[in-house]
Amino acid sequence: MCRDHYEPIHGARGITGYIQSGIKPAIAKTLLFDEHATGTIHISYDASAQTIFIDTASLEKREAHAG
């Protein structure tokens, strides 16, 4: 994510702008509208698609699938 959104001319401002315009709204939307969002929110970034993914599965659900 840093390589994709860092611009030498602007410094790290491109990264913070991406967080404010991409990640924060996605988290807020998930918390407000996903009734199944419990536990820990995991955020991952797909560099090839330059997109973020938010996983809201609760820890209990993860352990149930692992066991």
N, C-alpha and C. Protein backbone atom coordinates (compact mmCIF):
# COMPACT_ATOMS: atom_id res chain seq x y z
N MET A 1 0.83 -1.17 0.00
CA MET A 1 0.00 0.00 0.00
C MET A 1 0.88 1.24 0.00
N CYS A 2 1.94 1.22 0.78
CA CYS A 2 2.80 2.40 0.83
C CYS A 2 3.44 2.68 -0.53
N ARG A 3 3.91 1.63 -1.20
CA ARG A 3 4.51 1.83 -2.52
C ARG A 3 3.50 2.34 -3.54
N ASP A 4 2.27 1.88 -3.42
CA ASP A 4 1.25 2.27 -4.39
C ASP A 4 0.76 3.71 -4.20
N HIS A 5 0.84 4.22 -2.99
CA HIS A 5 0.25 5.53 -2.71
C HIS A 5 1.25 6.59 -2.25
N TYR A 6 2.52 6.25 -2.22
CA TYR A 6 3.56 7.23 -1.86
C TYR A 6 4.00 7.96 -3.12
N GLU A 7 4.04 9.26 -3.03
CA GLU A 7 4.54 10.07 -4.13
C GLU A 7 5.63 10.98 -3.58
N PRO A 8 6.85 10.91 -4.13
CA PRO A 8 7.95 11.71 -3.60
C PRO A 8 7.64 13.20 -3.54
N ILE A 9 6.87 13.67 -4.48
CA ILE A 9 6.53 15.09 -4.51
C ILE A 9 5.66 15.50 -3.32
N HIS A 10 4.80 14.58 -2.85
CA HIS A 10 3.89 14.87 -1.75
C HIS A 10 4.32 14.20 -0.44
N GLY A 11 5.33 13.36 -0.49
CA GLY A 11 5.74 12.64 0.71
C GLY A 11 4.69 11.62 1.12
N ALA A 12 4.51 11.45 2.41
CA ALA A 12 3.57 10.45 2.93
C ALA A 12 2.12 10.91 2.89
N ARG A 13 1.86 12.12 2.45
CA ARG A 13 0.48 12.62 2.41
C ARG A 13 -0.43 11.77 1.54
N GLY A 14 0.12 11.15 0.50
CA GLY A 14 -0.69 10.27 -0.34
C GLY A 14 -1.20 9.06 0.43
N ILE A 15 -0.38 8.56 1.35
CA ILE A 15 -0.77 7.40 2.15
C ILE A 15 -1.87 7.79 3.13
N THR A 16 -1.68 8.90 3.83
CA THR A 16 -2.72 9.32 4.79
C THR A 16 -4.01 9.68 4.07
N GLY A 17 -3.90 10.24 2.89
CA GLY A 17 -5.09 10.54 2.10
C GLY A 17 -5.84 9.27 1.70
N TYR A 18 -5.08 8.23 1.35
CA TYR A 18 -5.72 6.96 1.00
C TYR A 18 -6.41 6.35 2.22
N ILE A 19 -5.77 6.44 3.36
CA ILE A 19 -6.38 5.93 4.60
C ILE A 19 -7.68 6.68 4.88
N GLN A 20 -7.65 8.01 4.76
CA GLN A 20 -8.83 8.81 5.06
C GLN A 20 -9.94 8.62 4.02
N SER A 21 -9.57 8.44 2.77
CA SER A 21 -10.61 8.34 1.73
C SER A 21 -11.02 6.90 1.42
N GLY A 22 -10.20 5.93 1.76
CA GLY A 22 -10.52 4.55 1.43
C GLY A 22 -10.77 3.64 2.61
N ILE A 23 -9.87 3.67 3.57
CA ILE A 23 -9.96 2.73 4.68
C ILE A 23 -10.96 3.17 5.74
N LYS A 24 -10.88 4.41 6.17
CA LYS A 24 -11.80 4.89 7.22
C LYS A 24 -13.27 4.75 6.81
N PRO A 25 -13.66 5.18 5.60
CA PRO A 25 -15.07 5.01 5.22
C PRO A 25 -15.49 3.54 5.14
N ALA A 26 -14.60 2.67 4.70
CA ALA A 26 -14.94 1.25 4.61
C ALA A 26 -15.17 0.66 5.99
N ILE A 27 -14.35 1.06 6.96
CA ILE A 27 -14.53 0.59 8.34
C ILE A 27 -15.84 1.13 8.90
N ALA A 28 -16.09 2.41 8.72
CA ALA A 28 -17.33 3.02 9.23
C ALA A 28 -18.55 2.35 8.62
N LYS A 29 -18.54 2.13 7.33
CA LYS A 29 -19.67 1.48 6.65
C LYS A 29 -19.88 0.08 7.19
N THR A 30 -18.80 -0.64 7.42
CA THR A 30 -18.90 -2.00 7.95
C THR A 30 -19.50 -1.98 9.35
N LEU A 31 -19.01 -1.10 10.21
CA LEU A 31 -19.50 -1.04 11.58
C LEU A 31 -20.96 -0.61 11.66
N LEU A 32 -21.35 0.29 10.77
CA LEU A 32 -22.72 0.81 10.81
C LEU A 32 -23.75 -0.10 10.17
N PHE A 33 -23.35 -0.83 9.12
CA PHE A 33 -24.35 -1.54 8.33
C PHE A 33 -24.21 -3.06 8.29
N ASP A 34 -23.12 -3.62 8.79
CA ASP A 34 -22.95 -5.08 8.79
C ASP A 34 -23.35 -5.62 10.14
N GLU A 35 -24.54 -6.19 10.23
CA GLU A 35 -25.06 -6.67 11.51
C GLU A 35 -24.28 -7.86 12.04
N HIS A 36 -23.47 -8.48 11.21
CA HIS A 36 -22.69 -9.64 11.63
C HIS A 36 -21.26 -9.26 12.00
N ALA A 37 -20.94 -7.99 11.97
CA ALA A 37 -19.58 -7.53 12.29
C ALA A 37 -19.36 -7.58 13.80
N THR A 38 -18.64 -8.58 14.24
CA THR A 38 -18.30 -8.72 15.65
C THR A 38 -16.83 -9.10 15.76
N GLY A 39 -16.28 -8.88 16.93
CA GLY A 39 -14.89 -9.28 17.14
C GLY A 39 -13.92 -8.29 16.53
N THR A 40 -12.85 -8.81 15.98
CA THR A 40 -11.77 -8.00 15.44
C THR A 40 -11.97 -7.76 13.96
N ILE A 41 -11.67 -6.55 13.53
CA ILE A 41 -11.71 -6.23 12.11
C ILE A 41 -10.31 -6.41 11.54
N HIS A 42 -10.20 -7.23 10.51
CA HIS A 42 -8.92 -7.44 9.84
C HIS A 42 -8.97 -6.76 8.49
N ILE A 43 -7.94 -5.95 8.22
CA ILE A 43 -7.87 -5.23 6.96
C ILE A 43 -6.67 -5.74 6.19
N SER A 44 -6.90 -6.13 4.94
CA SER A 44 -5.78 -6.55 4.10
C SER A 44 -5.81 -5.73 2.82
N TYR A 45 -4.68 -5.72 2.13
CA TYR A 45 -4.53 -4.91 0.93
C TYR A 45 -4.04 -5.79 -0.20
N ASP A 46 -4.71 -5.75 -1.33
CA ASP A 46 -4.30 -6.47 -2.52
C ASP A 46 -3.55 -5.49 -3.41
N ALA A 47 -2.22 -5.65 -3.46
CA ALA A 47 -1.38 -4.71 -4.20
C ALA A 47 -1.65 -4.76 -5.70
N SER A 48 -1.94 -5.93 -6.24
CA SER A 48 -2.16 -6.01 -7.68
C SER A 48 -3.45 -5.29 -8.10
N ALA A 49 -4.47 -5.35 -7.25
CA ALA A 49 -5.73 -4.67 -7.55
C ALA A 49 -5.81 -3.30 -6.89
N GLN A 50 -4.87 -3.01 -6.00
CA GLN A 50 -4.84 -1.77 -5.22
C GLN A 50 -6.16 -1.52 -4.51
N THR A 51 -6.65 -2.57 -3.84
CA THR A 51 -7.89 -2.46 -3.09
C THR A 51 -7.72 -3.06 -1.70
N ILE A 52 -8.58 -2.63 -0.80
CA ILE A 52 -8.56 -3.16 0.55
C ILE A 52 -9.70 -4.15 0.73
N PHE A 53 -9.50 -5.06 1.66
CA PHE A 53 -10.53 -6.03 2.02
C PHE A 53 -10.70 -5.98 3.52
N ILE A 54 -11.94 -5.98 3.96
CA ILE A 54 -12.24 -5.94 5.39
C ILE A 54 -12.92 -7.25 5.77
N ASP A 55 -12.33 -7.94 6.75
CA ASP A 55 -12.88 -9.19 7.25
C ASP A 55 -13.39 -8.94 8.66
N THR A 56 -14.67 -9.18 8.87
CA THR A 56 -15.28 -8.90 10.17
C THR A 56 -15.67 -10.16 10.92
N ALA A 57 -15.22 -11.32 10.45
CA ALA A 57 -15.58 -12.56 11.14
C ALA A 57 -15.02 -12.53 12.56
N SER A 58 -15.85 -12.91 13.50
CA SER A 58 -15.42 -12.89 14.89
C SER A 58 -14.39 -13.98 15.16
N LEU A 59 -13.64 -13.82 16.20
CA LEU A 59 -12.63 -14.79 16.58
C LEU A 59 -13.26 -16.15 16.82
N GLU A 60 -14.45 -16.19 17.42
CA GLU A 60 -15.12 -17.45 17.69
C GLU A 60 -15.42 -18.18 16.37
N LYS A 61 -15.87 -17.46 15.36
CA LYS A 61 -16.18 -18.08 14.08
C LYS A 61 -14.91 -18.62 13.43
N ARG A 62 -13.80 -17.90 13.56
CA ARG A 62 -12.53 -18.35 12.98
C ARG A 62 -12.07 -19.64 13.65
N GLU A 63 -12.19 -19.69 14.99
CA GLU A 63 -11.76 -20.87 15.72
C GLU A 63 -12.65 -22.06 15.37
N ALA A 64 -13.93 -21.84 15.14
CA ALA A 64 -14.84 -22.92 14.78
C ALA A 64 -14.46 -23.52 13.43
N HIS A 65 -14.04 -22.67 12.50
CA HIS A 65 -13.65 -23.16 11.18
C HIS A 65 -12.29 -23.86 11.23
N ALA A 66 -11.41 -23.42 12.11
CA ALA A 66 -10.08 -24.02 12.23
C ALA A 66 -10.14 -25.38 12.93
N GLY A 67 -11.07 -25.56 13.84
CA GLY A 67 -11.11 -26.76 14.66
C GLY A 67 -11.91 -27.80 14.05
